[in-house]
């Protein structure tokens, strides 16, 4: 098939449905590029493909880690490389830009964690952390999830230990993607409506109940506890806000996250940007993707 097909885009853009349509036509398999779908048990809140969907189309790097584990970009690169070698026709699909870029261009060098430095940063108020990050590294400040304490602390830790911007630690990245890399793009109003509908569906499907069953494990996992939806529901369970406010908060945070994803993907050179109308079926988007690809027999 030549270069693997990669289908990326912000959350709720419909990329998974499109990838499954492409996979059906090519008899391909999907490698998930999602930092939270790797965790067993995080099903509803990550919009994980159903058991029936996974039975129909083989998926990889889903449910490959327990909540007692830490999953990061380095592990993703190792496991994605292994999966790719075992698959005749792989399709990479997801919204975790860091994983896409690490897989294509490598991880670069970052210093090991420093317990003393990290403790000093964690002792700061969140507002102070954000202010320091903005002053030291405006590029990372614009792209990072500022509501994710773990990522903010790590960025500041690297900056302090190296004396260089966190964004500069991967200066060897050229932001150039391989062939057959497609970005799903939707109009602002359409994407926001899709996000709100998805969040409503998640709560209707039992997101609160799922979070309750996983709460202890989530609170012990510094990475997984930051997952959108679960983080806000845990706040609800602690009495920080009522359920309607929690639903509204998840919608707001998801929209902010989608905007950051769009900012990340917008920097990529060589990607084919597909503007997807609100009424376009995934099968039609898949047809357009395949029309751009050179498919080997």
Protein backbone atom coordinates (compact mmCIF):
# COMPACT_ATOMS: atom_id res chain seq x y z
CA UNK A 1 0.00 0.00 0.00
CA UNK A 2 3.02 2.27 0.20
CA UNK A 3 2.99 4.60 3.20
CA UNK A 4 0.41 3.74 5.86
CA UNK A 5 -2.72 5.86 5.86
CA UNK A 6 -3.02 8.25 8.79
CA UNK A 7 -6.33 9.91 9.67
CA UNK A 8 -6.16 12.63 12.31
CA UNK A 9 -8.29 15.47 13.60
CA UNK A 10 -9.86 16.96 16.71
CA UNK A 11 -12.13 15.04 19.02
CA UNK A 12 -15.65 14.36 17.69
CA UNK A 13 -14.63 15.19 14.12
CA UNK A 14 -15.70 11.74 12.93
CA UNK A 15 -12.25 10.39 12.11
CA UNK A 16 -12.88 6.97 13.66
CA UNK A 17 -15.97 6.34 11.54
CA UNK A 18 -14.05 7.40 8.43
CA UNK A 19 -11.09 5.17 9.32
CA UNK A 20 -13.40 2.19 9.70
CA UNK A 21 -14.91 2.85 6.28
CA UNK A 22 -11.42 3.02 4.74
CA UNK A 23 -10.45 -0.17 6.58
CA UNK A 24 -13.50 -2.01 5.22
CA UNK A 25 -12.61 -1.14 1.66
CA UNK A 26 -8.94 -2.08 2.02
CA UNK A 27 -9.37 -4.99 4.44
CA UNK A 28 -7.02 -3.02 6.66
CA UNK A 29 -6.43 -2.85 10.41
CA UNK A 30 -6.48 0.25 12.62
CA UNK A 31 -3.73 1.39 14.99
CA UNK A 32 -5.26 3.76 17.53
CA UNK A 33 -3.36 7.00 18.17
CA UNK A 34 -5.17 7.96 21.36
CA UNK A 35 -3.44 8.45 24.71
CA UNK A 36 -6.51 7.44 26.74
CA UNK A 37 -8.05 4.61 24.71
CA UNK A 38 -4.99 2.56 25.66
CA UNK A 39 -6.43 2.15 29.18
CA UNK A 40 -8.69 -0.78 29.97
CA UNK A 41 -11.95 0.39 31.51
CA UNK A 42 -11.94 3.91 30.04
CA UNK A 43 -14.64 3.10 27.50
CA UNK A 44 -17.51 5.58 27.49
CA UNK A 45 -15.48 8.71 28.20
CA UNK A 46 -12.91 7.99 25.47
CA UNK A 47 -15.50 7.10 22.79
CA UNK A 48 -13.70 3.79 22.41
CA UNK A 49 -14.82 1.63 19.46
CA UNK A 50 -17.42 -0.89 20.57
CA UNK A 51 -16.70 -4.61 20.91
CA UNK A 52 -18.72 -5.21 17.74
CA UNK A 53 -16.71 -2.62 15.81
CA UNK A 54 -13.44 -4.10 17.02
CA UNK A 55 -14.65 -7.58 16.11
CA UNK A 56 -15.43 -6.42 12.58
CA UNK A 57 -12.18 -4.49 12.09
CA UNK A 58 -9.03 -5.39 14.06
CA UNK A 59 -7.85 -2.52 16.25
CA UNK A 60 -4.46 -2.19 17.93
CA UNK A 61 -3.23 -0.16 20.92
CA UNK A 62 -6.67 -0.15 22.53
CA UNK A 63 -7.03 -1.69 26.00
CA UNK A 64 -3.30 -2.40 26.07
CA UNK A 65 -2.61 -0.90 29.52
CA UNK A 66 -4.13 -1.18 32.96
CA UNK A 67 -4.96 1.82 35.09
CA UNK A 68 -2.13 0.85 37.39
CA UNK A 69 0.33 1.56 34.54
CA UNK A 70 1.70 4.75 33.03
CA UNK A 71 1.48 5.02 29.25
CA UNK A 72 3.53 7.59 27.38
CA UNK A 73 4.75 8.56 23.91
CA UNK A 74 7.85 6.37 24.15
CA UNK A 75 5.77 3.29 24.84
CA UNK A 76 3.39 4.24 22.05
CA UNK A 77 6.25 4.44 19.54
CA UNK A 78 7.54 1.01 20.57
CA UNK A 79 4.15 -0.67 20.41
CA UNK A 80 2.98 1.13 17.26
CA UNK A 81 6.17 0.12 15.46
CA UNK A 82 5.66 -3.49 16.47
CA UNK A 83 2.02 -3.43 15.37
CA UNK A 84 2.84 -1.80 12.04
CA UNK A 85 5.36 -4.54 11.22
CA UNK A 86 2.72 -7.19 11.83
CA UNK A 87 -0.03 -5.59 9.72
CA UNK A 88 -0.21 -5.76 5.95
CA UNK A 89 -2.41 -2.66 5.59
CA UNK A 90 -2.25 -0.38 8.68
CA UNK A 91 -4.34 2.73 9.23
CA UNK A 92 -3.25 5.09 12.00
CA UNK A 93 -6.22 6.97 13.44
CA UNK A 94 -6.56 9.30 16.41
CA UNK A 95 -6.24 12.76 17.85
CA UNK A 96 -3.10 12.63 19.99
CA UNK A 97 -0.78 14.83 17.96
CA UNK A 98 2.27 14.13 20.14
CA UNK A 99 1.96 10.40 19.43
CA UNK A 100 1.63 10.94 15.69
CA UNK A 101 4.71 13.14 15.61
CA UNK A 102 6.77 10.93 17.91
CA UNK A 103 5.98 7.91 15.73
CA UNK A 104 6.96 9.71 12.52
CA UNK A 105 9.93 11.81 13.67
CA UNK A 106 11.21 10.28 16.89
CA UNK A 107 11.13 11.50 20.48
CA UNK A 108 14.27 13.55 20.86
CA UNK A 109 16.10 13.95 24.16
CA UNK A 110 14.45 15.08 27.39
CA UNK A 111 16.01 15.04 30.86
CA UNK A 112 15.01 12.45 33.42
CA UNK A 113 12.56 13.54 36.10
CA UNK A 114 14.07 15.45 39.01
CA UNK A 115 12.11 14.81 42.21
CA UNK A 116 13.29 17.96 44.00
CA UNK A 117 12.62 20.27 41.07
CA UNK A 118 9.24 18.70 40.43
CA UNK A 119 8.24 19.05 44.08
CA UNK A 120 9.20 22.73 44.01
CA UNK A 121 7.04 23.31 40.93
CA UNK A 122 4.12 21.35 42.33
CA UNK A 123 4.24 23.54 45.46
CA UNK A 124 3.48 26.60 43.33
CA UNK A 125 -0.05 27.79 42.69
CA UNK A 126 -1.38 26.79 39.29
CA UNK A 127 -1.61 30.44 38.24
CA UNK A 128 2.08 30.90 39.04
CA UNK A 129 3.00 27.83 37.02
CA UNK A 130 1.06 29.10 34.00
CA UNK A 131 2.62 32.56 34.26
CA UNK A 132 6.14 31.09 34.37
CA UNK A 133 5.40 28.84 31.41
CA UNK A 134 4.04 31.75 29.36
CA UNK A 135 7.13 33.82 30.04
CA UNK A 136 9.63 31.01 29.43
CA UNK A 137 8.03 29.25 26.46
CA UNK A 138 5.15 31.01 24.66
CA UNK A 139 4.95 28.24 22.03
CA UNK A 140 4.28 25.53 24.59
CA UNK A 141 1.98 27.89 26.51
CA UNK A 142 -0.26 28.20 23.43
CA UNK A 143 -0.41 24.47 22.67
CA UNK A 144 -0.39 22.74 26.05
CA UNK A 145 -3.48 21.67 27.98
CA UNK A 146 -3.24 24.33 30.67
CA UNK A 147 -5.81 22.52 32.78
CA UNK A 148 -3.61 19.41 32.94
CA UNK A 149 -1.28 19.87 35.94
CA UNK A 150 0.92 16.92 35.00
CA UNK A 151 1.80 18.34 31.59
CA UNK A 152 2.35 21.87 32.88
CA UNK A 153 4.63 20.64 35.66
CA UNK A 154 6.66 18.46 33.27
CA UNK A 155 7.11 21.31 30.80
CA UNK A 156 8.37 23.64 33.55
CA UNK A 157 10.61 20.89 34.91
CA UNK A 158 12.29 20.42 31.52
CA UNK A 159 12.67 24.17 31.05
CA UNK A 160 14.31 24.61 34.44
CA UNK A 161 16.61 21.60 34.05
CA UNK A 162 17.80 22.45 30.53
CA UNK A 163 17.52 26.22 30.44
CA UNK A 164 15.76 25.85 27.08
CA UNK A 165 12.11 26.13 26.02
CA UNK A 166 10.22 22.86 26.28
CA UNK A 167 9.16 23.27 22.64
CA UNK A 168 12.85 23.43 21.72
CA UNK A 169 13.60 20.02 23.21
CA UNK A 170 12.28 18.53 19.99
CA UNK A 171 13.88 21.04 17.62
CA UNK A 172 14.76 18.19 15.27
CA UNK A 173 11.06 17.78 14.47
CA UNK A 174 10.36 19.28 11.07
CA UNK A 175 6.55 19.18 11.42
CA UNK A 176 6.48 17.36 8.09
CA UNK A 177 4.21 14.33 7.82
CA UNK A 178 4.60 11.22 5.71
CA UNK A 179 2.51 10.59 2.62
CA UNK A 180 -1.13 9.57 3.02
CA UNK A 181 -1.65 11.76 6.10
CA UNK A 182 -5.17 13.22 6.23
CA UNK A 183 -6.68 15.81 8.56
CA UNK A 184 -10.43 15.84 9.11
CA UNK A 185 -11.67 19.43 9.37
CA UNK A 186 -15.17 20.65 10.18
CA UNK A 187 -16.80 24.03 10.42
CA UNK A 188 -16.63 25.52 13.91
CA UNK A 189 -20.40 25.34 14.56
CA UNK A 190 -20.61 21.76 13.27
CA UNK A 191 -17.71 20.55 15.41
CA UNK A 192 -19.07 22.23 18.51
CA UNK A 193 -22.51 20.70 17.96
CA UNK A 194 -20.93 17.27 17.50
CA UNK A 195 -18.96 17.68 20.73
CA UNK A 196 -22.05 18.64 22.69
CA UNK A 197 -24.03 15.73 21.25
CA UNK A 198 -21.22 13.32 22.07
CA UNK A 199 -20.96 14.53 25.66
CA UNK A 200 -24.72 14.20 26.13
CA UNK A 201 -24.54 10.66 24.74
CA UNK A 202 -21.68 9.75 27.07
CA UNK A 203 -23.59 10.81 30.17
CA UNK A 204 -26.70 9.02 28.90
CA UNK A 205 -24.62 5.88 28.36
CA UNK A 206 -23.40 5.88 31.98
CA UNK A 207 -20.23 7.98 32.22
CA UNK A 208 -20.92 8.79 35.88
CA UNK A 209 -21.40 5.12 36.72
CA UNK A 210 -18.26 4.13 34.80
CA UNK A 211 -16.26 6.78 36.63
CA UNK A 212 -17.60 5.60 39.99
CA UNK A 213 -16.44 2.05 39.26
CA UNK A 214 -12.95 3.25 38.28
CA UNK A 215 -12.56 6.15 40.70
CA UNK A 216 -9.94 4.64 43.02
CA UNK A 217 -7.77 3.47 40.12
CA UNK A 218 -8.16 6.79 38.31
CA UNK A 219 -7.16 8.81 41.36
CA UNK A 220 -3.99 6.69 41.67
CA UNK A 221 -2.98 7.21 38.01
CA UNK A 222 -1.54 10.70 37.38
CA UNK A 223 -1.99 10.30 33.62
CA UNK A 224 -5.39 8.65 33.32
CA UNK A 225 -7.03 10.88 35.94
CA UNK A 226 -6.55 13.81 33.54
CA UNK A 227 -8.79 12.22 30.89
CA UNK A 228 -11.54 14.57 29.77
CA UNK A 229 -14.89 13.68 31.22
CA UNK A 230 -13.54 11.49 34.00
CA UNK A 231 -11.66 14.40 35.57
CA UNK A 232 -14.81 16.53 35.71
CA UNK A 233 -17.03 13.67 36.91
CA UNK A 234 -14.62 12.98 39.76
CA UNK A 235 -15.01 16.64 40.70
CA UNK A 236 -18.78 16.12 40.70
CA UNK A 237 -18.42 13.05 42.93
CA UNK A 238 -16.36 15.15 45.33
CA UNK A 239 -19.20 17.68 45.49
CA UNK A 240 -17.45 20.41 43.50
CA UNK A 241 -20.41 20.94 41.14
CA UNK A 242 -23.83 19.42 40.43
CA UNK A 243 -24.49 17.13 37.48
CA UNK A 244 -25.86 19.74 35.01
CA UNK A 245 -22.84 21.95 35.69
CA UNK A 246 -20.59 18.92 35.24
CA UNK A 247 -22.07 18.17 31.83
CA UNK A 248 -21.62 21.81 30.81
CA UNK A 249 -18.04 21.78 32.10
CA UNK A 250 -17.17 18.65 30.11
CA UNK A 251 -18.59 20.26 26.97
CA UNK A 252 -16.56 23.43 27.56
CA UNK A 253 -13.31 21.59 28.34
CA UNK A 254 -13.76 19.29 25.34
CA UNK A 255 -14.27 22.25 23.03
CA UNK A 256 -11.12 23.90 24.41
CA UNK A 257 -9.22 20.65 23.89
CA UNK A 258 -10.47 20.35 20.30
CA UNK A 259 -9.23 23.87 19.58
CA UNK A 260 -5.78 22.96 20.93
CA UNK A 261 -5.76 19.84 18.75
CA UNK A 262 -6.58 21.96 15.71
CA UNK A 263 -3.72 24.32 16.60
CA UNK A 264 -1.32 21.38 16.84
CA UNK A 265 -2.38 19.78 13.57
CA UNK A 266 -2.41 23.11 11.73
CA UNK A 267 1.39 23.22 11.99
CA UNK A 268 1.88 20.00 10.06
CA UNK A 269 3.30 20.28 6.57
CA UNK A 270 2.29 17.83 3.87
CA UNK A 271 -1.02 16.77 5.38
CA UNK A 272 -4.07 16.63 3.13
CA UNK A 273 -6.78 18.74 4.78
CA UNK A 274 -10.26 17.44 4.12
CA UNK A 275 -13.09 19.87 4.80
CA UNK A 276 -16.00 17.62 5.76
CA UNK A 277 -19.51 19.06 5.42
CA UNK A 278 -21.96 18.38 8.23
CA UNK A 279 -24.11 16.16 6.01
CA UNK A 280 -21.30 14.11 4.43
CA UNK A 281 -21.40 10.38 5.21
CA UNK A 282 -18.20 8.71 6.49
CA UNK A 283 -18.23 6.48 3.41
CA UNK A 284 -17.97 9.53 1.15
CA UNK A 285 -15.10 11.01 3.18
CA UNK A 286 -13.40 7.60 2.97
CA UNK A 287 -13.87 7.60 -0.81
CA UNK A 288 -12.20 11.01 -1.02
CA UNK A 289 -9.28 9.81 1.09
CA UNK A 290 -8.77 6.75 -1.08
CA UNK A 291 -8.84 8.92 -4.21
CA UNK A 292 -5.72 10.68 -2.90
CA UNK A 293 -3.84 7.48 -2.06
CA UNK A 294 -1.74 5.25 -4.23
CA UNK A 295 -2.79 1.74 -3.22
CA UNK A 296 -0.49 -1.15 -4.02
CA UNK A 297 -2.16 -4.47 -4.89
